[in-house]
Amino acid sequence: MKAKRYKDIDDFARDLGISPERIGISAMKTKLKLRIIQETKKRNYSSAELAQLSGLTRTVVSGIINGSLQSVSLERLIRLAASVDLVVNLNIKKAA
């Protein structure tokens, strides 16, 4: 049996029955998390420092940075982004 090839992760997710909305939310969260991590490393902040700046607990911050984003709200990610002086902009366009 020949393995199916996917053009991208979205194509793979659709094949698994994951809705386009869920794919989009997951992509936004992942992109935001990676940018927060990049800025946090650049500033050499610990999870405790990031927690203090964001008003979140260290446990929550560590969970976000090191764990799954499934139950993490965009609001919390935006709070973390703001704590390292990042501005989050929303781009909206008509679906293809």
PDB file of N, CA and C in Angstrom:
ATOM      1  N   MET A   1       0.834  -1.173   0.000  1.00  0.00           N
ATOM      2  CA  MET A   1       0.000   0.000   0.000  1.00  0.00           C
ATOM      3  C   MET A   1       0.883   1.243   0.000  1.00  0.00           C
ATOM      4  N   LYS A   2       0.584   2.160  -0.902  1.00  0.00           N
ATOM      5  CA  LYS A   2       1.369   3.384  -1.022  1.00  0.00           C
ATOM      6  C   LYS A   2       0.872   4.412  -0.007  1.00  0.00           C
ATOM      7  N   ALA A   3       1.816   5.061   0.684  1.00  0.00           N
ATOM      8  CA  ALA A   3       1.465   6.074   1.678  1.00  0.00           C
ATOM      9  C   ALA A   3       0.952   7.331   0.983  1.00  0.00           C
ATOM     10  N   LYS A   4      -0.052   7.948   1.584  1.00  0.00           N
ATOM     11  CA  LYS A   4      -0.604   9.177   1.035  1.00  0.00           C
ATOM     12  C   LYS A   4       0.315  10.339   1.392  1.00  0.00           C
ATOM     13  N   ARG A   5       0.524  11.222   0.433  1.00  0.00           N
ATOM     14  CA  ARG A   5       1.341  12.411   0.661  1.00  0.00           C
ATOM     15  C   ARG A   5       0.426  13.611   0.844  1.00  0.00           C
ATOM     16  N   TYR A   6       0.782  14.446   1.788  1.00  0.00           N
ATOM     17  CA  TYR A   6       0.011  15.648   2.066  1.00  0.00           C
ATOM     18  C   TYR A   6       0.817  16.865   1.659  1.00  0.00           C
ATOM     19  N   LYS A   7       0.104  17.867   1.109  1.00  0.00           N
ATOM     20  CA  LYS A   7       0.813  19.073   0.668  1.00  0.00           C
ATOM     21  C   LYS A   7       1.206  19.953   1.843  1.00  0.00           C
ATOM     22  N   ASP A   8       0.414  19.902   2.937  1.00  0.00           N
ATOM     23  CA  ASP A   8       0.743  20.675   4.130  1.00  0.00           C
ATOM     24  C   ASP A   8      -0.023  20.113   5.322  1.00  0.00           C
ATOM     25  N   ILE A   9       0.218  20.679   6.490  1.00  0.00           N
ATOM     26  CA  ILE A   9      -0.408  20.194   7.716  1.00  0.00           C
ATOM     27  C   ILE A   9      -1.921  20.395   7.684  1.00  0.00           C
ATOM     28  N   ASP A  10      -2.378  21.469   7.017  1.00  0.00           N
ATOM     29  CA  ASP A  10      -3.819  21.717   6.912  1.00  0.00           C
ATOM     30  C   ASP A  10      -4.508  20.600   6.128  1.00  0.00           C
ATOM     31  N   ASP A  11      -3.876  20.162   5.060  1.00  0.00           N
ATOM     32  CA  ASP A  11      -4.418  19.074   4.248  1.00  0.00           C
ATOM     33  C   ASP A  11      -4.509  17.789   5.084  1.00  0.00           C
ATOM     34  N   PHE A  12      -3.487  17.527   5.861  1.00  0.00           N
ATOM     35  CA  PHE A  12      -3.464  16.364   6.745  1.00  0.00           C
ATOM     36  C   PHE A  12      -4.570  16.461   7.790  1.00  0.00           C
ATOM     37  N   ALA A  13      -4.719  17.632   8.411  1.00  0.00           N
ATOM     38  CA  ALA A  13      -5.739  17.827   9.443  1.00  0.00           C
ATOM     39  C   ALA A  13      -7.140  17.648   8.876  1.00  0.00           C
ATOM     40  N   ARG A  14      -7.373  18.186   7.680  1.00  0.00           N
ATOM     41  CA  ARG A  14      -8.684  18.025   7.045  1.00  0.00           C
ATOM     42  C   ARG A  14      -8.996  16.551   6.808  1.00  0.00           C
ATOM     43  N   ASP A  15      -7.975  15.798   6.413  1.00  0.00           N
ATOM     44  CA  ASP A  15      -8.153  14.370   6.177  1.00  0.00           C
ATOM     45  C   ASP A  15      -8.526  13.641   7.470  1.00  0.00           C
ATOM     46  N   LEU A  16      -8.101  14.175   8.597  1.00  0.00           N
ATOM     47  CA  LEU A  16      -8.441  13.603   9.901  1.00  0.00           C
ATOM     48  C   LEU A  16      -9.803  14.078  10.399  1.00  0.00           C
ATOM     49  N   GLY A  17     -10.423  14.990   9.650  1.00  0.00           N
ATOM     50  CA  GLY A  17     -11.738  15.476  10.028  1.00  0.00           C
ATOM     51  C   GLY A  17     -11.718  16.669  10.956  1.00  0.00           C
ATOM     52  N   ILE A  18     -10.593  17.346  11.035  1.00  0.00           N
ATOM     53  CA  ILE A  18     -10.488  18.539  11.886  1.00  0.00           C
ATOM     54  C   ILE A  18     -11.006  19.734  11.097  1.00  0.00           C
ATOM     55  N   SER A  19     -11.867  20.518  11.714  1.00  0.00           N
ATOM     56  CA  SER A  19     -12.508  21.635  11.023  1.00  0.00           C
ATOM     57  C   SER A  19     -11.503  22.733  10.673  1.00  0.00           C
ATOM     58  N   PRO A  20     -11.770  23.471   9.603  1.00  0.00           N
ATOM     59  CA  PRO A  20     -10.893  24.583   9.221  1.00  0.00           C
ATOM     60  C   PRO A  20     -10.761  25.628  10.337  1.00  0.00           C
ATOM     61  N   GLU A  21     -11.836  25.840  11.104  1.00  0.00           N
ATOM     62  CA  GLU A  21     -11.783  26.798  12.205  1.00  0.00           C
ATOM     63  C   GLU A  21     -10.782  26.357  13.270  1.00  0.00           C
ATOM     64  N   ARG A  22     -10.843  25.083  13.603  1.00  0.00           N
ATOM     65  CA  ARG A  22      -9.928  24.549  14.621  1.00  0.00           C
ATOM     66  C   ARG A  22      -8.485  24.576  14.122  1.00  0.00           C
ATOM     67  N   ILE A  23      -8.299  24.314  12.853  1.00  0.00           N
ATOM     68  CA  ILE A  23      -6.963  24.383  12.262  1.00  0.00           C
ATOM     69  C   ILE A  23      -6.430  25.807  12.360  1.00  0.00           C
ATOM     70  N   GLY A  24      -7.285  26.782  12.030  1.00  0.00           N
ATOM     71  CA  GLY A  24      -6.882  28.187  12.081  1.00  0.00           C
ATOM     72  C   GLY A  24      -6.527  28.643  13.479  1.00  0.00           C
ATOM     73  N   ILE A  25      -7.342  28.266  14.454  1.00  0.00           N
ATOM     74  CA  ILE A  25      -7.075  28.640  15.841  1.00  0.00           C
ATOM     75  C   ILE A  25      -5.768  28.017  16.311  1.00  0.00           C
ATOM     76  N   SER A  26      -5.560  26.770  15.991  1.00  0.00           N
ATOM     77  CA  SER A  26      -4.329  26.086  16.378  1.00  0.00           C
ATOM     78  C   SER A  26      -3.111  26.752  15.749  1.00  0.00           C
ATOM     79  N   ALA A  27      -3.224  27.133  14.491  1.00  0.00           N
ATOM     80  CA  ALA A  27      -2.108  27.799  13.807  1.00  0.00           C
ATOM     81  C   ALA A  27      -1.802  29.145  14.450  1.00  0.00           C
ATOM     82  N   MET A  28      -2.845  29.917  14.801  1.00  0.00           N
ATOM     83  CA  MET A  28      -2.634  31.214  15.456  1.00  0.00           C
ATOM     84  C   MET A  28      -1.950  31.047  16.805  1.00  0.00           C
ATOM     85  N   LYS A  29      -2.432  30.098  17.589  1.00  0.00           N
ATOM     86  CA  LYS A  29      -1.853  29.872  18.906  1.00  0.00           C
ATOM     87  C   LYS A  29      -0.388  29.451  18.801  1.00  0.00           C
ATOM     88  N   THR A  30      -0.107  28.546  17.870  1.00  0.00           N
ATOM     89  CA  THR A  30       1.261  28.058  17.707  1.00  0.00           C
ATOM     90  C   THR A  30       2.190  29.184  17.278  1.00  0.00           C
ATOM     91  N   LYS A  31       1.763  29.978  16.316  1.00  0.00           N
ATOM     92  CA  LYS A  31       2.588  31.091  15.841  1.00  0.00           C
ATOM     93  C   LYS A  31       2.856  32.090  16.964  1.00  0.00           C
ATOM     94  N   LEU A  32       1.835  32.392  17.727  1.00  0.00           N
ATOM     95  CA  LEU A  32       1.976  33.334  18.829  1.00  0.00           C
ATOM     96  C   LEU A  32       2.891  32.770  19.917  1.00  0.00           C
ATOM     97  N   LYS A  33       2.703  31.501  20.256  1.00  0.00           N
ATOM     98  CA  LYS A  33       3.546  30.872  21.267  1.00  0.00           C
ATOM     99  C   LYS A  33       5.022  30.895  20.849  1.00  0.00           C
ATOM    100  N   LEU A  34       5.301  30.546  19.607  1.00  0.00           N
ATOM    101  CA  LEU A  34       6.693  30.520  19.137  1.00  0.00           C
ATOM    102  C   LEU A  34       7.330  31.912  19.187  1.00  0.00           C
ATOM    103  N   ARG A  35       6.558  32.933  18.857  1.00  0.00           N
ATOM    104  CA  ARG A  35       7.079  34.304  18.901  1.00  0.00           C
ATOM    105  C   ARG A  35       7.336  34.751  20.329  1.00  0.00           C
ATOM    106  N   ILE A  36       6.448  34.354  21.255  1.00  0.00           N
ATOM    107  CA  ILE A  36       6.639  34.669  22.675  1.00  0.00           C
ATOM    108  C   ILE A  36       7.896  33.985  23.195  1.00  0.00           C
ATOM    109  N   ILE A  37       8.086  32.732  22.852  1.00  0.00           N
ATOM    110  CA  ILE A  37       9.276  31.993  23.275  1.00  0.00           C
ATOM    111  C   ILE A  37      10.525  32.670  22.736  1.00  0.00           C
ATOM    112  N   GLN A  38      10.490  33.058  21.466  1.00  0.00           N
ATOM    113  CA  GLN A  38      11.641  33.726  20.857  1.00  0.00           C
ATOM    114  C   GLN A  38      11.992  35.010  21.620  1.00  0.00           C
ATOM    115  N   GLU A  39      10.998  35.815  21.915  1.00  0.00           N
ATOM    116  CA  GLU A  39      11.243  37.077  22.618  1.00  0.00           C
ATOM    117  C   GLU A  39      11.674  36.837  24.058  1.00  0.00           C
ATOM    118  N   THR A  40      11.109  35.821  24.686  1.00  0.00           N
ATOM    119  CA  THR A  40      11.473  35.483  26.064  1.00  0.00           C
ATOM    120  C   THR A  40      12.942  35.059  26.139  1.00  0.00           C
ATOM    121  N   LYS A  41      13.368  34.239  25.193  1.00  0.00           N
ATOM    122  CA  LYS A  41      14.773  33.806  25.156  1.00  0.00           C
ATOM    123  C   LYS A  41      15.699  34.979  24.871  1.00  0.00           C
ATOM    124  N   LYS A  42      15.287  35.848  23.960  1.00  0.00           N
ATOM    125  CA  LYS A  42      16.085  37.023  23.612  1.00  0.00           C
ATOM    126  C   LYS A  42      16.328  37.892  24.846  1.00  0.00           C
ATOM    127  N   ARG A  43      15.312  38.015  25.679  1.00  0.00           N
ATOM    128  CA  ARG A  43      15.402  38.835  26.889  1.00  0.00           C
ATOM    129  C   ARG A  43      15.948  38.052  28.082  1.00  0.00           C
ATOM    130  N   ASN A  44      16.131  36.764  27.889  1.00  0.00           N
ATOM    131  CA  ASN A  44      16.662  35.883  28.928  1.00  0.00           C
ATOM    132  C   ASN A  44      15.761  35.852  30.163  1.00  0.00           C
ATOM    133  N   TYR A  45      14.442  35.833  29.952  1.00  0.00           N
ATOM    134  CA  TYR A  45      13.477  35.776  31.047  1.00  0.00           C
ATOM    135  C   TYR A  45      13.220  34.334  31.449  1.00  0.00           C
ATOM    136  N   SER A  46      13.033  34.138  32.728  1.00  0.00           N
ATOM    137  CA  SER A  46      12.597  32.828  33.226  1.00  0.00           C
ATOM    138  C   SER A  46      11.071  32.783  33.207  1.00  0.00           C
ATOM    139  N   SER A  47      10.532  31.598  33.442  1.00  0.00           N
ATOM    140  CA  SER A  47       9.080  31.469  33.524  1.00  0.00           C
ATOM    141  C   SER A  47       8.537  32.305  34.679  1.00  0.00           C
ATOM    142  N   ALA A  48       9.273  32.369  35.759  1.00  0.00           N
ATOM    143  CA  ALA A  48       8.837  33.158  36.918  1.00  0.00           C
ATOM    144  C   ALA A  48       8.779  34.644  36.570  1.00  0.00           C
ATOM    145  N   GLU A  49       9.774  35.140  35.854  1.00  0.00           N
ATOM    146  CA  GLU A  49       9.774  36.552  35.452  1.00  0.00           C
ATOM    147  C   GLU A  49       8.631  36.843  34.485  1.00  0.00           C
ATOM    148  N   LEU A  50       8.433  35.949  33.548  1.00  0.00           N
ATOM    149  CA  LEU A  50       7.350  36.111  32.581  1.00  0.00           C
ATOM    150  C   LEU A  50       5.992  36.074  33.291  1.00  0.00           C
ATOM    151  N   ALA A  51       5.865  35.217  34.282  1.00  0.00           N
ATOM    152  CA  ALA A  51       4.634  35.137  35.063  1.00  0.00           C
ATOM    153  C   ALA A  51       4.374  36.452  35.794  1.00  0.00           C
ATOM    154  N   GLN A  52       5.396  36.990  36.409  1.00  0.00           N
ATOM    155  CA  GLN A  52       5.241  38.245  37.142  1.00  0.00           C
ATOM    156  C   GLN A  52       4.835  39.382  36.203  1.00  0.00           C
ATOM    157  N   LEU A  53       5.449  39.443  35.036  1.00  0.00           N
ATOM    158  CA  LEU A  53       5.139  40.493  34.071  1.00  0.00           C
ATOM    159  C   LEU A  53       3.730  40.359  33.494  1.00  0.00           C
ATOM    160  N   SER A  54       3.272  39.122  33.321  1.00  0.00           N
ATOM    161  CA  SER A  54       1.980  38.887  32.669  1.00  0.00           C
ATOM    162  C   SER A  54       0.809  38.825  33.642  1.00  0.00           C
ATOM    163  N   GLY A  55       1.107  38.607  34.915  1.00  0.00           N
ATOM    164  CA  GLY A  55       0.028  38.445  35.885  1.00  0.00           C
ATOM    165  C   GLY A  55      -0.527  37.032  35.930  1.00  0.00           C
ATOM    166  N   LEU A  56       0.105  36.128  35.217  1.00  0.00           N
ATOM    167  CA  LEU A  56      -0.287  34.714  35.244  1.00  0.00           C
ATOM    168  C   LEU A  56       0.601  33.993  36.253  1.00  0.00           C
ATOM    169  N   THR A  57       0.211  32.808  36.675  1.00  0.00           N
ATOM    170  CA  THR A  57       1.055  32.056  37.598  1.00  0.00           C
ATOM    171  C   THR A  57       2.222  31.421  36.836  1.00  0.00           C
ATOM    172  N   ARG A  58       3.290  31.118  37.557  1.00  0.00           N
ATOM    173  CA  ARG A  58       4.447  30.478  36.936  1.00  0.00           C
ATOM    174  C   ARG A  58       4.057  29.127  36.359  1.00  0.00           C
ATOM    175  N   THR A  59       3.176  28.405  37.051  1.00  0.00           N
ATOM    176  CA  THR A  59       2.719  27.100  36.571  1.00  0.00           C
ATOM    177  C   THR A  59       1.997  27.235  35.237  1.00  0.00           C
ATOM    178  N   VAL A  60       1.137  28.237  35.126  1.00  0.00           N
ATOM    179  CA  VAL A  60       0.406  28.470  33.878  1.00  0.00           C
ATOM    180  C   VAL A  60       1.380  28.835  32.764  1.00  0.00           C
ATOM    181  N   VAL A  61       2.319  29.731  33.053  1.00  0.00           N
ATOM    182  CA  VAL A  61       3.292  30.152  32.040  1.00  0.00           C
ATOM    183  C   VAL A  61       4.132  28.969  31.585  1.00  0.00           C
ATOM    184  N   SER A  62       4.629  28.175  32.519  1.00  0.00           N
ATOM    185  CA  SER A  62       5.436  27.001  32.167  1.00  0.00           C
ATOM    186  C   SER A  62       4.629  26.013  31.331  1.00  0.00           C
ATOM    187  N   GLY A  63       3.366  25.835  31.694  1.00  0.00           N
ATOM    188  CA  GLY A  63       2.503  24.936  30.939  1.00  0.00           C
ATOM    189  C   GLY A  63       2.303  25.400  29.511  1.00  0.00           C
ATOM    190  N   ILE A  64       2.140  26.705  29.339  1.00  0.00           N
ATOM    191  CA  ILE A  64       1.958  27.257  27.995  1.00  0.00           C
ATOM    192  C   ILE A  64       3.239  27.110  27.181  1.00  0.00           C
ATOM    193  N   ILE A  65       4.352  27.492  27.765  1.00  0.00           N
ATOM    194  CA  ILE A  65       5.632  27.468  27.043  1.00  0.00           C
ATOM    195  C   ILE A  65       6.069  26.040  26.716  1.00  0.00           C
ATOM    196  N   ASN A  66       5.855  25.121  27.634  1.00  0.00           N
ATOM    197  CA  ASN A  66       6.375  23.759  27.466  1.00  0.00           C
ATOM    198  C   ASN A  66       5.337  22.721  27.075  1.00  0.00           C
ATOM    199  N   GLY A  67       4.081  23.094  27.040  1.00  0.00           N
ATOM    200  CA  GLY A  67       3.054  22.090  26.833  1.00  0.00           C
ATOM    201  C   GLY A  67       2.153  22.338  25.648  1.00  0.00           C
ATOM    202  N   SER A  68       1.035  21.679  25.707  1.00  0.00           N
ATOM    203  CA  SER A  68       0.027  21.747  24.653  1.00  0.00           C
ATOM    204  C   SER A  68      -0.749  23.054  24.740  1.00  0.00           C
ATOM    205  N   LEU A  69      -1.196  23.520  23.605  1.00  0.00           N
ATOM    206  CA  LEU A  69      -1.977  24.754  23.544  1.00  0.00           C
ATOM    207  C   LEU A  69      -3.470  24.479  23.460  1.00  0.00           C
ATOM    208  N   GLN A  70      -3.867  23.238  23.526  1.00  0.00           N
ATOM    209  CA  GLN A  70      -5.256  22.865  23.310  1.00  0.00           C
ATOM    210  C   GLN A  70      -6.210  23.605  24.232  1.00  0.00           C
ATOM    211  N   SER A  71      -5.878  23.725  25.503  1.00  0.00           N
ATOM    212  CA  SER A  71      -6.794  24.372  26.448  1.00  0.00           C
ATOM    213  C   SER A  71      -6.356  25.791  26.815  1.00  0.00           C
ATOM    214  N   VAL A  72      -5.395  26.337  26.088  1.00  0.00           N
ATOM    215  CA  VAL A  72      -4.899  27.695  26.360  1.00  0.00           C
ATOM    216  C   VAL A  72      -5.694  28.686  25.523  1.00  0.00           C
ATOM    217  N   SER A  73      -6.179  29.731  26.171  1.00  0.00           N
ATOM    218  CA  SER A  73      -6.962  30.730  25.444  1.00  0.00           C
ATOM    219  C   SER A  73      -6.043  31.706  24.707  1.00  0.00           C
ATOM    220  N   LEU A  74      -6.572  32.270  23.640  1.00  0.00           N
ATOM    221  CA  LEU A  74      -5.830  33.318  22.931  1.00  0.00           C
ATOM    222  C   LEU A  74      -5.599  34.511  23.845  1.00  0.00           C
ATOM    223  N   GLU A  75      -6.544  34.764  24.742  1.00  0.00           N
ATOM    224  CA  GLU A  75      -6.397  35.872  25.685  1.00  0.00           C
ATOM    225  C   GLU A  75      -5.133  35.715  26.531  1.00  0.00           C
ATOM    226  N   ARG A  76      -4.895  34.530  27.032  1.00  0.00           N
ATOM    227  CA  ARG A  76      -3.675  34.304  27.836  1.00  0.00           C
ATOM    228  C   ARG A  76      -2.419  34.472  26.991  1.00  0.00           C
ATOM    229  N   LEU A  77      -2.460  33.987  25.779  1.00  0.00           N
ATOM    230  CA  LEU A  77      -1.295  34.143  24.903  1.00  0.00           C
ATOM    231  C   LEU A  77      -1.048  35.618  24.596  1.00  0.00           C
ATOM    232  N   ILE A  78      -2.103  36.371  24.400  1.00  0.00           N
ATOM    233  CA  ILE A  78      -1.954  37.799  24.129  1.00  0.00           C
ATOM    234  C   ILE A  78      -1.410  38.518  25.366  1.00  0.00           C
ATOM    235  N   ARG A  79      -1.836  38.120  26.561  1.00  0.00           N
ATOM    236  CA  ARG A  79      -1.277  38.694  27.795  1.00  0.00           C
ATOM    237  C   ARG A  79       0.217  38.420  27.889  1.00  0.00           C
ATOM    238  N   LEU A  80       0.623  37.200  27.552  1.00  0.00           N
ATOM    239  CA  LEU A  80       2.053  36.868  27.565  1.00  0.00           C
ATOM    240  C   LEU A  80       2.815  37.697  26.529  1.00  0.00           C
ATOM    241  N   ALA A  81       2.234  37.826  25.356  1.00  0.00           N
ATOM    242  CA  ALA A  81       2.874  38.618  24.299  1.00  0.00           C
ATOM    243  C   ALA A  81       3.063  40.060  24.749  1.00  0.00           C
ATOM    244  N   ALA A  82       2.040  40.628  25.341  1.00  0.00           N
ATOM    245  CA  ALA A  82       2.119  42.015  25.817  1.00  0.00           C
ATOM    246  C   ALA A  82       3.185  42.170  26.903  1.00  0.00           C
ATOM    247  N   SER A  83       3.371  41.135  27.697  1.00  0.00           N
ATOM    248  CA  SER A  83       4.349  41.213  28.788  1.00  0.00           C
ATOM    249  C   SER A  83       5.788  41.272  28.282  1.00  0.00           C
ATOM    250  N   VAL A  84       6.010  40.882  27.033  1.00  0.00           N
ATOM    251  CA  VAL A  84       7.347  41.002  26.431  1.00  0.00           C
ATOM    252  C   VAL A  84       7.325  42.035  25.294  1.00  0.00           C
ATOM    253  N   ASP A  85       6.390  42.982  25.425  1.00  0.00           N
ATOM    254  CA  ASP A  85       6.279  44.130  24.506  1.00  0.00           C
ATOM    255  C   ASP A  85       5.985  43.747  23.058  1.00  0.00           C
ATOM    256  N   LEU A  86       5.214  42.703  22.868  1.00  0.00           N
ATOM    257  CA  LEU A  86       4.763  42.343  21.536  1.00  0.00           C
ATOM    258  C   LEU A  86       3.330  42.826  21.361  1.00  0.00           C
ATOM    259  N   VAL A  87       3.003  43.279  20.175  1.00  0.00           N
ATOM    260  CA  VAL A  87       1.650  43.702  19.841  1.00  0.00           C
ATOM    261  C   VAL A  87       1.066  42.658  18.891  1.00  0.00           C
ATOM    262  N   VAL A  88      -0.129  42.204  19.194  1.00  0.00           N
ATOM    263  CA  VAL A  88      -0.786  41.195  18.373  1.00  0.00           C
ATOM    264  C   VAL A  88      -1.809  41.875  17.481  1.00  0.00           C
ATOM    265  N   ASN A  89      -1.682  41.662  16.184  1.00  0.00           N
ATOM    266  CA  ASN A  89      -2.631  42.219  15.207  1.00  0.00           C
ATOM    267  C   ASN A  89      -3.410  41.073  14.582  1.00  0.00           C
ATOM    268  N   LEU A  90      -4.669  41.337  14.324  1.00  0.00           N
ATOM    269  CA  LEU A  90      -5.530  40.342  13.711  1.00  0.00           C
ATOM    270  C   LEU A  90      -5.744  40.716  12.263  1.00  0.00           C
ATOM    271  N   ASN A  91      -5.493  39.785  11.379  1.00  0.00           N
ATOM    272  CA  ASN A  91      -5.674  39.982   9.944  1.00  0.00           C
ATOM    273  C   ASN A  91      -6.876  39.151   9.508  1.00  0.00           C
ATOM    274  N   ILE A  92      -7.869  39.778   8.935  1.00  0.00           N
ATOM    275  CA  ILE A  92      -9.063  39.050   8.536  1.00  0.00           C
ATOM    276  C   ILE A  92      -9.230  39.176   7.015  1.00  0.00           C
ATOM    277  N   LYS A  93      -9.476  38.028   6.361  1.00  0.00           N
ATOM    278  CA  LYS A  93      -9.697  38.050   4.918  1.00  0.00           C
ATOM    279  C   LYS A  93     -10.799  37.070   4.573  1.00  0.00           C
ATOM    280  N   LYS A  94     -11.364  37.254   3.441  1.00  0.00           N
ATOM    281  CA  LYS A  94     -12.447  36.396   2.969  1.00  0.00           C
ATOM    282  C   LYS A  94     -11.882  35.005   2.675  1.00  0.00           C
ATOM    283  N   ALA A  95     -12.622  33.966   3.068  1.00  0.00           N
ATOM    284  CA  ALA A  95     -12.201  32.600   2.830  1.00  0.00           C
ATOM    285  C   ALA A  95     -12.136  32.337   1.330  1.00  0.00           C
ATOM    286  N   ALA A  96     -11.208  31.485   0.943  1.00  0.00           N
ATOM    287  CA  ALA A  96     -11.017  31.160  -0.482  1.00  0.00           C
ATOM    288  C   ALA A  96     -12.166  30.390  -1.048  1.00  0.00           C
TER     289      ALA A  96
END
